[in-house]
Every structure is written in structure tokens, then in C-alpha cells.
Amino acid sequence: MNLGRVIGTVISSRKVESLDGVKLLIVQPLDENLKDSGGPVVACDSQQAGPGQVVTFIGGREASLPLPNPFNPSDATVTSIVDEVSVGNSKQ
């Protein structure tokens, strides 16, 4: 599971049938201090996340499982919206 921040959305006029009705988000991966970590990824949204929100997301084969049709080509899926991140004694 990875941390990320929603930085945008993807609008597509056509997509594979198994992703019909699934919103696509652009997610910037973050480290434990909420600093950018790597390049942005496109992730399916299973939690109705919005721009600016910190989320968790999963990748690989497991990314297809939270979606309505688990037989899809998803490489990343948002799995939760984060309320707070705590590392050691500090809260982010």
C-alpha cells in the first residue's frame, strides 16, 4: 500500500468495458513525510476521492480487486482517503 495525493483527473471518451463507470485519478506518490516520491500515476477511484486529498493506493494485480468488475486491466486503485499520518511523535 502506498501514500499519494490526488492532483488531477483523467477524462476519457472510450475505455475498456470493465472500467465503465470507474473514475480515473492522477495520483502523486508520497513518502512518509508527505513529500513527492516518484512520478504521478493514473489510479482507479474506489473511494470517491477528490483533488488535494491524501489517499492510499495499491498496485499490481491486487489493484483490480476493489473495483466492481475485478476482471479489469487496472495497475493502481485508490483504496482509502487518509485523515492523518503520524510518524514517530509528529503528525502530518
PDB file of N, CA and C in Angstrom:
ATOM      1  N   MET A   1       0.850  -1.170   0.000  1.00  0.00           N
ATOM      2  CA  MET A   1       0.000   0.000   0.000  1.00  0.00           C
ATOM      3  C   MET A   1       0.896   1.234   0.000  1.00  0.00           C
ATOM      4  N   ASN A   2       0.497   2.244  -0.755  1.00  0.00           N
ATOM      5  CA  ASN A   2       1.283   3.461  -0.921  1.00  0.00           C
ATOM      6  C   ASN A   2       0.457   4.680  -0.550  1.00  0.00           C
ATOM      7  N   LEU A   3       1.152   5.747  -0.142  1.00  0.00           N
ATOM      8  CA  LEU A   3       0.507   7.036   0.086  1.00  0.00           C
ATOM      9  C   LEU A   3       0.590   7.873  -1.179  1.00  0.00           C
ATOM     10  N   GLY A   4      -0.419   8.695  -1.424  1.00  0.00           N
ATOM     11  CA  GLY A   4      -0.387   9.581  -2.571  1.00  0.00           C
ATOM     12  C   GLY A   4      -1.332  10.755  -2.376  1.00  0.00           C
ATOM     13  N   ARG A   5      -1.172  11.777  -3.221  1.00  0.00           N
ATOM     14  CA  ARG A   5      -2.066  12.928  -3.201  1.00  0.00           C
ATOM     15  C   ARG A   5      -2.724  13.032  -4.568  1.00  0.00           C
ATOM     16  N   VAL A   6      -4.037  13.202  -4.584  1.00  0.00           N
ATOM     17  CA  VAL A   6      -4.774  13.351  -5.836  1.00  0.00           C
ATOM     18  C   VAL A   6      -4.441  14.730  -6.409  1.00  0.00           C
ATOM     19  N   ILE A   7      -3.883  14.733  -7.626  1.00  0.00           N
ATOM     20  CA  ILE A   7      -3.501  16.002  -8.248  1.00  0.00           C
ATOM     21  C   ILE A   7      -4.304  16.297  -9.510  1.00  0.00           C
ATOM     22  N   GLY A   8      -5.184  15.399  -9.895  1.00  0.00           N
ATOM     23  CA  GLY A   8      -5.987  15.642 -11.090  1.00  0.00           C
ATOM     24  C   GLY A   8      -6.873  14.466 -11.431  1.00  0.00           C
ATOM     25  N   THR A   9      -7.607  14.622 -12.516  1.00  0.00           N
ATOM     26  CA  THR A   9      -8.477  13.560 -13.011  1.00  0.00           C
ATOM     27  C   THR A   9      -8.165  13.296 -14.479  1.00  0.00           C
ATOM     28  N   VAL A  10      -8.580  12.152 -14.939  1.00  0.00           N
ATOM     29  CA  VAL A  10      -8.421  11.777 -16.344  1.00  0.00           C
ATOM     30  C   VAL A  10      -9.812  11.622 -16.931  1.00  0.00           C
ATOM     31  N   ILE A  11     -10.050  12.302 -18.028  1.00  0.00           N
ATOM     32  CA  ILE A  11     -11.322  12.177 -18.746  1.00  0.00           C
ATOM     33  C   ILE A  11     -11.036  11.391 -20.020  1.00  0.00           C
ATOM     34  N   SER A  12     -11.781  10.331 -20.236  1.00  0.00           N
ATOM     35  CA  SER A  12     -11.576   9.534 -21.448  1.00  0.00           C
ATOM     36  C   SER A  12     -12.918   9.313 -22.136  1.00  0.00           C
ATOM     37  N   SER A  13     -12.906   9.448 -23.450  1.00  0.00           N
ATOM     38  CA  SER A  13     -14.140   9.237 -24.193  1.00  0.00           C
ATOM     39  C   SER A  13     -14.409   7.753 -24.414  1.00  0.00           C
ATOM     40  N   ARG A  14     -13.355   6.940 -24.346  1.00  0.00           N
ATOM     41  CA  ARG A  14     -13.506   5.491 -24.505  1.00  0.00           C
ATOM     42  C   ARG A  14     -12.559   4.801 -23.537  1.00  0.00           C
ATOM     43  N   LYS A  15     -13.048   3.725 -22.953  1.00  0.00           N
ATOM     44  CA  LYS A  15     -12.179   2.878 -22.141  1.00  0.00           C
ATOM     45  C   LYS A  15     -12.720   1.458 -22.172  1.00  0.00           C
ATOM     46  N   VAL A  16     -11.903   0.545 -21.732  1.00  0.00           N
ATOM     47  CA  VAL A  16     -12.287  -0.857 -21.752  1.00  0.00           C
ATOM     48  C   VAL A  16     -13.582  -1.040 -20.938  1.00  0.00           C
ATOM     49  N   GLU A  17     -14.447  -1.905 -21.406  1.00  0.00           N
ATOM     50  CA  GLU A  17     -15.775  -2.097 -20.819  1.00  0.00           C
ATOM     51  C   GLU A  17     -15.733  -2.398 -19.322  1.00  0.00           C
ATOM     52  N   SER A  18     -14.738  -3.126 -18.858  1.00  0.00           N
ATOM     53  CA  SER A  18     -14.664  -3.484 -17.437  1.00  0.00           C
ATOM     54  C   SER A  18     -14.392  -2.274 -16.542  1.00  0.00           C
ATOM     55  N   LEU A  19     -14.010  -1.135 -17.130  1.00  0.00           N
ATOM     56  CA  LEU A  19     -13.787   0.092 -16.350  1.00  0.00           C
ATOM     57  C   LEU A  19     -14.901   1.123 -16.545  1.00  0.00           C
ATOM     58  N   ASP A  20     -15.981   0.748 -17.217  1.00  0.00           N
ATOM     59  CA  ASP A  20     -17.115   1.661 -17.381  1.00  0.00           C
ATOM     60  C   ASP A  20     -17.617   2.104 -16.013  1.00  0.00           C
ATOM     61  N   GLY A  21     -17.813   3.405 -15.849  1.00  0.00           N
ATOM     62  CA  GLY A  21     -18.308   3.947 -14.592  1.00  0.00           C
ATOM     63  C   GLY A  21     -17.251   4.161 -13.528  1.00  0.00           C
ATOM     64  N   VAL A  22     -15.999   3.818 -13.812  1.00  0.00           N
ATOM     65  CA  VAL A  22     -14.913   3.977 -12.843  1.00  0.00           C
ATOM     66  C   VAL A  22     -14.186   5.291 -13.134  1.00  0.00           C
ATOM     67  N   LYS A  23     -14.097   6.163 -12.115  1.00  0.00           N
ATOM     68  CA  LYS A  23     -13.395   7.433 -12.255  1.00  0.00           C
ATOM     69  C   LYS A  23     -11.889   7.182 -12.195  1.00  0.00           C
ATOM     70  N   LEU A  24     -11.135   7.901 -13.036  1.00  0.00           N
ATOM     71  CA  LEU A  24      -9.681   7.785 -13.068  1.00  0.00           C
ATOM     72  C   LEU A  24      -9.062   9.054 -12.488  1.00  0.00           C
ATOM     73  N   LEU A  25      -8.091   8.878 -11.596  1.00  0.00           N
ATOM     74  CA  LEU A  25      -7.423   9.986 -10.925  1.00  0.00           C
ATOM     75  C   LEU A  25      -5.933   9.984 -11.233  1.00  0.00           C
ATOM     76  N   ILE A  26      -5.325  11.167 -11.200  1.00  0.00           N
ATOM     77  CA  ILE A  26      -3.869  11.264 -11.263  1.00  0.00           C
ATOM     78  C   ILE A  26      -3.397  11.413  -9.822  1.00  0.00           C
ATOM     79  N   VAL A  27      -2.545  10.493  -9.387  1.00  0.00           N
ATOM     80  CA  VAL A  27      -2.089  10.448  -8.001  1.00  0.00           C
ATOM     81  C   VAL A  27      -0.578  10.619  -7.965  1.00  0.00           C
ATOM     82  N   GLN A  28      -0.115  11.574  -7.157  1.00  0.00           N
ATOM     83  CA  GLN A  28       1.311  11.797  -6.936  1.00  0.00           C
ATOM     84  C   GLN A  28       1.735  10.964  -5.719  1.00  0.00           C
ATOM     85  N   PRO A  29       2.591   9.943  -5.904  1.00  0.00           N
ATOM     86  CA  PRO A  29       3.065   9.165  -4.755  1.00  0.00           C
ATOM     87  C   PRO A  29       3.808  10.056  -3.752  1.00  0.00           C
ATOM     88  N   LEU A  30       3.647   9.724  -2.465  1.00  0.00           N
ATOM     89  CA  LEU A  30       4.266  10.482  -1.381  1.00  0.00           C
ATOM     90  C   LEU A  30       5.059   9.554  -0.472  1.00  0.00           C
ATOM     91  N   ASP A  31       6.074  10.116   0.209  1.00  0.00           N
ATOM     92  CA  ASP A  31       6.780   9.351   1.226  1.00  0.00           C
ATOM     93  C   ASP A  31       6.079   9.551   2.574  1.00  0.00           C
ATOM     94  N   GLU A  32       6.654   9.009   3.643  1.00  0.00           N
ATOM     95  CA  GLU A  32       6.012   9.088   4.955  1.00  0.00           C
ATOM     96  C   GLU A  32       5.938  10.515   5.508  1.00  0.00           C
ATOM     97  N   ASN A  33       6.724  11.434   4.940  1.00  0.00           N
ATOM     98  CA  ASN A  33       6.678  12.840   5.347  1.00  0.00           C
ATOM     99  C   ASN A  33       5.805  13.681   4.414  1.00  0.00           C
ATOM    100  N   LEU A  34       5.043  13.011   3.562  1.00  0.00           N
ATOM    101  CA  LEU A  34       4.137  13.634   2.590  1.00  0.00           C
ATOM    102  C   LEU A  34       4.865  14.482   1.560  1.00  0.00           C
ATOM    103  N   LYS A  35       6.096  14.084   1.232  1.00  0.00           N
ATOM    104  CA  LYS A  35       6.876  14.722   0.169  1.00  0.00           C
ATOM    105  C   LYS A  35       6.764  13.856  -1.081  1.00  0.00           C
ATOM    106  N   ASP A  36       6.808  14.491  -2.266  1.00  0.00           N
ATOM    107  CA  ASP A  36       6.715  13.754  -3.526  1.00  0.00           C
ATOM    108  C   ASP A  36       7.753  12.641  -3.588  1.00  0.00           C
ATOM    109  N   SER A  37       7.328  11.500  -4.111  1.00  0.00           N
ATOM    110  CA  SER A  37       8.198  10.338  -4.212  1.00  0.00           C
ATOM    111  C   SER A  37       7.918   9.630  -5.535  1.00  0.00           C
ATOM    112  N   GLY A  38       8.660   9.990  -6.577  1.00  0.00           N
ATOM    113  CA  GLY A  38       8.443   9.382  -7.880  1.00  0.00           C
ATOM    114  C   GLY A  38       7.438  10.168  -8.707  1.00  0.00           C
ATOM    115  N   GLY A  39       7.161   9.626  -9.872  1.00  0.00           N
ATOM    116  CA  GLY A  39       6.259  10.289 -10.808  1.00  0.00           C
ATOM    117  C   GLY A  39       4.805   9.935 -10.570  1.00  0.00           C
ATOM    118  N   PRO A  40       3.889  10.788 -11.054  1.00  0.00           N
ATOM    119  CA  PRO A  40       2.456  10.546 -10.894  1.00  0.00           C
ATOM    120  C   PRO A  40       1.997   9.270 -11.612  1.00  0.00           C
ATOM    121  N   VAL A  41       0.936   8.686 -11.111  1.00  0.00           N
ATOM    122  CA  VAL A  41       0.328   7.500 -11.710  1.00  0.00           C
ATOM    123  C   VAL A  41      -1.163   7.748 -11.907  1.00  0.00           C
ATOM    124  N   VAL A  42      -1.743   7.037 -12.840  1.00  0.00           N
ATOM    125  CA  VAL A  42      -3.189   7.064 -13.023  1.00  0.00           C
ATOM    126  C   VAL A  42      -3.756   5.908 -12.210  1.00  0.00           C
ATOM    127  N   ALA A  43      -4.736   6.221 -11.357  1.00  0.00           N
ATOM    128  CA  ALA A  43      -5.320   5.200 -10.488  1.00  0.00           C
ATOM    129  C   ALA A  43      -6.840   5.221 -10.604  1.00  0.00           C
ATOM    130  N   CYS A  44      -7.441   4.058 -10.551  1.00  0.00           N
ATOM    131  CA  CYS A  44      -8.897   3.961 -10.490  1.00  0.00           C
ATOM    132  C   CYS A  44      -9.340   4.408  -9.102  1.00  0.00           C
ATOM    133  N   ASP A  45     -10.516   5.014  -9.022  1.00  0.00           N
ATOM    134  CA  ASP A  45     -11.003   5.546  -7.761  1.00  0.00           C
ATOM    135  C   ASP A  45     -12.121   4.675  -7.213  1.00  0.00           C
ATOM    136  N   SER A  46     -11.865   3.985  -6.110  1.00  0.00           N
ATOM    137  CA  SER A  46     -12.912   3.178  -5.476  1.00  0.00           C
ATOM    138  C   SER A  46     -13.480   3.870  -4.239  1.00  0.00           C
ATOM    139  N   GLN A  47     -13.007   5.094  -3.937  1.00  0.00           N
ATOM    140  CA  GLN A  47     -13.403   5.774  -2.697  1.00  0.00           C
ATOM    141  C   GLN A  47     -13.997   7.161  -2.889  1.00  0.00           C
ATOM    142  N   GLN A  48     -14.190   7.608  -4.120  1.00  0.00           N
ATOM    143  CA  GLN A  48     -14.718   8.946  -4.400  1.00  0.00           C
ATOM    144  C   GLN A  48     -13.806  10.035  -3.842  1.00  0.00           C
ATOM    145  N   ALA A  49     -12.506   9.870  -4.049  1.00  0.00           N
ATOM    146  CA  ALA A  49     -11.515  10.856  -3.609  1.00  0.00           C
ATOM    147  C   ALA A  49     -11.552  12.072  -4.519  1.00  0.00           C
ATOM    148  N   GLY A  50     -11.075  13.196  -3.985  1.00  0.00           N
ATOM    149  CA  GLY A  50     -11.088  14.430  -4.759  1.00  0.00           C
ATOM    150  C   GLY A  50      -9.723  15.088  -4.790  1.00  0.00           C
ATOM    151  N   PRO A  51      -9.568  16.108  -5.616  1.00  0.00           N
ATOM    152  CA  PRO A  51      -8.296  16.807  -5.748  1.00  0.00           C
ATOM    153  C   PRO A  51      -7.769  17.311  -4.406  1.00  0.00           C
ATOM    154  N   GLY A  52      -6.463  17.111  -4.182  1.00  0.00           N
ATOM    155  CA  GLY A  52      -5.814  17.574  -2.966  1.00  0.00           C
ATOM    156  C   GLY A  52      -5.856  16.594  -1.816  1.00  0.00           C
ATOM    157  N   GLN A  53      -6.703  15.594  -1.881  1.00  0.00           N
ATOM    158  CA  GLN A  53      -6.796  14.645  -0.769  1.00  0.00           C
ATOM    159  C   GLN A  53      -5.625  13.680  -0.772  1.00  0.00           C
ATOM    160  N   VAL A  54      -5.174  13.323   0.442  1.00  0.00           N
ATOM    161  CA  VAL A  54      -4.161  12.284   0.607  1.00  0.00           C
ATOM    162  C   VAL A  54      -4.898  10.958   0.657  1.00  0.00           C
ATOM    163  N   VAL A  55      -4.403   9.985  -0.103  1.00  0.00           N
ATOM    164  CA  VAL A  55      -5.059   8.685  -0.230  1.00  0.00           C
ATOM    165  C   VAL A  55      -4.034   7.570  -0.091  1.00  0.00           C
ATOM    166  N   THR A  56      -4.536   6.360   0.093  1.00  0.00           N
ATOM    167  CA  THR A  56      -3.689   5.186  -0.072  1.00  0.00           C
ATOM    168  C   THR A  56      -4.096   4.541  -1.389  1.00  0.00           C
ATOM    169  N   PHE A  57      -3.118   3.909  -2.038  1.00  0.00           N
ATOM    170  CA  PHE A  57      -3.431   3.189  -3.265  1.00  0.00           C
ATOM    171  C   PHE A  57      -2.582   1.937  -3.345  1.00  0.00           C
ATOM    172  N   ILE A  58      -3.087   0.969  -4.082  1.00  0.00           N
ATOM    173  CA  ILE A  58      -2.373  -0.287  -4.292  1.00  0.00           C
ATOM    174  C   ILE A  58      -2.099  -0.462  -5.773  1.00  0.00           C
ATOM    175  N   GLY A  59      -1.080  -1.238  -6.066  1.00  0.00           N
ATOM    176  CA  GLY A  59      -0.725  -1.502  -7.450  1.00  0.00           C
ATOM    177  C   GLY A  59      -0.642  -2.993  -7.712  1.00  0.00           C
ATOM    178  N   GLY A  60      -0.355  -3.339  -8.939  1.00  0.00           N
ATOM    179  CA  GLY A  60      -0.240  -4.747  -9.308  1.00  0.00           C
ATOM    180  C   GLY A  60      -1.595  -5.399  -9.491  1.00  0.00           C
ATOM    181  N   ARG A  61      -1.614  -6.699  -9.504  1.00  0.00           N
ATOM    182  CA  ARG A  61      -2.846  -7.464  -9.733  1.00  0.00           C
ATOM    183  C   ARG A  61      -3.932  -7.133  -8.712  1.00  0.00           C
ATOM    184  N   GLU A  62      -3.530  -6.845  -7.470  1.00  0.00           N
ATOM    185  CA  GLU A  62      -4.494  -6.543  -6.420  1.00  0.00           C
ATOM    186  C   GLU A  62      -5.287  -5.268  -6.709  1.00  0.00           C
ATOM    187  N   ALA A  63      -4.771  -4.392  -7.557  1.00  0.00           N
ATOM    188  CA  ALA A  63      -5.445  -3.132  -7.870  1.00  0.00           C
ATOM    189  C   ALA A  63      -6.795  -3.352  -8.536  1.00  0.00           C
ATOM    190  N   SER A  64      -6.985  -4.483  -9.169  1.00  0.00           N
ATOM    191  CA  SER A  64      -8.259  -4.738  -9.853  1.00  0.00           C
ATOM    192  C   SER A  64      -9.353  -5.206  -8.894  1.00  0.00           C
ATOM    193  N   LEU A  65      -8.988  -5.702  -7.735  1.00  0.00           N
ATOM    194  CA  LEU A  65      -9.958  -6.350  -6.850  1.00  0.00           C
ATOM    195  C   LEU A  65     -10.981  -5.419  -6.195  1.00  0.00           C
ATOM    196  N   PRO A  66     -10.662  -4.169  -5.800  1.00  0.00           N
ATOM    197  CA  PRO A  66     -11.681  -3.324  -5.170  1.00  0.00           C
ATOM    198  C   PRO A  66     -12.742  -2.775  -6.137  1.00  0.00           C
ATOM    199  N   LEU A  67     -12.564  -2.965  -7.420  1.00  0.00           N
ATOM    200  CA  LEU A  67     -13.478  -2.392  -8.410  1.00  0.00           C
ATOM    201  C   LEU A  67     -14.678  -3.300  -8.643  1.00  0.00           C
ATOM    202  N   PRO A  68     -15.775  -2.736  -9.158  1.00  0.00           N
ATOM    203  CA  PRO A  68     -16.995  -3.536  -9.356  1.00  0.00           C
ATOM    204  C   PRO A  68     -16.771  -4.797 -10.193  1.00  0.00           C
ATOM    205  N   ASN A  69     -15.993  -4.680 -11.263  1.00  0.00           N
ATOM    206  CA  ASN A  69     -15.655  -5.846 -12.089  1.00  0.00           C
ATOM    207  C   ASN A  69     -14.184  -6.158 -11.860  1.00  0.00           C
ATOM    208  N   PRO A  70     -13.861  -7.212 -11.101  1.00  0.00           N
ATOM    209  CA  PRO A  70     -12.461  -7.488 -10.773  1.00  0.00           C
ATOM    210  C   PRO A  70     -11.627  -7.956 -11.964  1.00  0.00           C
ATOM    211  N   PHE A  71     -12.249  -8.224 -13.092  1.00  0.00           N
ATOM    212  CA  PHE A  71     -11.514  -8.636 -14.289  1.00  0.00           C
ATOM    213  C   PHE A  71     -11.291  -7.410 -15.168  1.00  0.00           C
ATOM    214  N   ASN A  72     -10.296  -6.592 -14.789  1.00  0.00           N
ATOM    215  CA  ASN A  72     -10.008  -5.347 -15.491  1.00  0.00           C
ATOM    216  C   ASN A  72      -8.495  -5.134 -15.554  1.00  0.00           C
ATOM    217  N   PRO A  73      -8.037  -4.228 -16.387  1.00  0.00           N
ATOM    218  CA  PRO A  73      -6.591  -4.024 -16.565  1.00  0.00           C
ATOM    219  C   PRO A  73      -5.991  -2.953 -15.645  1.00  0.00           C
ATOM    220  N   SER A  74      -6.589  -2.680 -14.496  1.00  0.00           N
ATOM    221  CA  SER A  74      -6.096  -1.635 -13.603  1.00  0.00           C
ATOM    222  C   SER A  74      -4.703  -1.962 -13.063  1.00  0.00           C
ATOM    223  N   ASP A  75      -3.827  -0.935 -13.055  1.00  0.00           N
ATOM    224  CA  ASP A  75      -2.495  -1.067 -12.462  1.00  0.00           C
ATOM    225  C   ASP A  75      -2.417  -0.406 -11.098  1.00  0.00           C
ATOM    226  N   ALA A  76      -3.362   0.485 -10.769  1.00  0.00           N
ATOM    227  CA  ALA A  76      -3.382   1.174  -9.476  1.00  0.00           C
ATOM    228  C   ALA A  76      -4.823   1.541  -9.134  1.00  0.00           C
ATOM    229  N   THR A  77      -5.163   1.423  -7.855  1.00  0.00           N
ATOM    230  CA  THR A  77      -6.505   1.765  -7.387  1.00  0.00           C
ATOM    231  C   THR A  77      -6.415   2.432  -6.026  1.00  0.00           C
ATOM    232  N   VAL A  78      -7.138   3.546  -5.867  1.00  0.00           N
ATOM    233  CA  VAL A  78      -7.236   4.227  -4.582  1.00  0.00           C
ATOM    234  C   VAL A  78      -8.084   3.365  -3.661  1.00  0.00           C
ATOM    235  N   THR A  79      -7.566   3.085  -2.447  1.00  0.00           N
ATOM    236  CA  THR A  79      -8.265   2.198  -1.519  1.00  0.00           C
ATOM    237  C   THR A  79      -8.780   2.896  -0.270  1.00  0.00           C
ATOM    238  N   SER A  80      -8.273   4.102   0.038  1.00  0.00           N
ATOM    239  CA  SER A  80      -8.789   4.834   1.200  1.00  0.00           C
ATOM    240  C   SER A  80      -8.415   6.305   1.097  1.00  0.00           C
ATOM    241  N   ILE A  81      -9.157   7.131   1.833  1.00  0.00           N
ATOM    242  CA  ILE A  81      -8.849   8.544   1.973  1.00  0.00           C
ATOM    243  C   ILE A  81      -8.246   8.714   3.360  1.00  0.00           C
ATOM    244  N   VAL A  82      -7.064   9.318   3.426  1.00  0.00           N
ATOM    245  CA  VAL A  82      -6.299   9.421   4.673  1.00  0.00           C
ATOM    246  C   VAL A  82      -6.725  10.653   5.459  1.00  0.00           C
ATOM    247  N   ASP A  83      -7.000  10.472   6.755  1.00  0.00           N
ATOM    248  CA  ASP A  83      -7.334  11.594   7.636  1.00  0.00           C
ATOM    249  C   ASP A  83      -6.085  12.181   8.284  1.00  0.00           C
ATOM    250  N   GLU A  84      -5.137  11.317   8.644  1.00  0.00           N
ATOM    251  CA  GLU A  84      -3.956  11.773   9.372  1.00  0.00           C
ATOM    252  C   GLU A  84      -2.822  10.786   9.158  1.00  0.00           C
ATOM    253  N   VAL A  85      -1.593  11.314   9.095  1.00  0.00           N
ATOM    254  CA  VAL A  85      -0.402  10.481   9.015  1.00  0.00           C
ATOM    255  C   VAL A  85       0.457  10.811  10.223  1.00  0.00           C
ATOM    256  N   SER A  86       0.868   9.805  10.975  1.00  0.00           N
ATOM    257  CA  SER A  86       1.685  10.016  12.165  1.00  0.00           C
ATOM    258  C   SER A  86       2.958   9.190  12.037  1.00  0.00           C
ATOM    259  N   VAL A  87       4.118   9.885  12.113  1.00  0.00           N
ATOM    260  CA  VAL A  87       5.415   9.205  12.071  1.00  0.00           C
ATOM    261  C   VAL A  87       6.163   9.594  13.334  1.00  0.00           C
ATOM    262  N   GLY A  88       6.482   8.611  14.169  1.00  0.00           N
ATOM    263  CA  GLY A  88       7.128   8.927  15.437  1.00  0.00           C
ATOM    264  C   GLY A  88       6.185   9.738  16.311  1.00  0.00           C
ATOM    265  N   ASN A  89       6.637  10.918  16.748  1.00  0.00           N
ATOM    266  CA  ASN A  89       5.806  11.788  17.577  1.00  0.00           C
ATOM    267  C   ASN A  89       5.160  12.934  16.818  1.00  0.00           C
ATOM    268  N   SER A  90       5.374  12.984  15.512  1.00  0.00           N
ATOM    269  CA  SER A  90       4.828  14.108  14.739  1.00  0.00           C
ATOM    270  C   SER A  90       3.645  13.645  13.889  1.00  0.00           C
ATOM    271  N   LYS A  91       2.690  14.550  13.722  1.00  0.00           N
ATOM    272  CA  LYS A  91       1.528  14.291  12.871  1.00  0.00           C
ATOM    273  C   LYS A  91       1.666  15.144  11.622  1.00  0.00           C
ATOM    274  N   GLN A  92       1.276  14.583  10.479  1.00  0.00           N
ATOM    275  CA  GLN A  92       1.322  15.314   9.200  1.00  0.00           C
ATOM    276  C   GLN A  92      -0.094  15.630   8.771  1.00  0.00           C
TER     277      GLN A  92
END
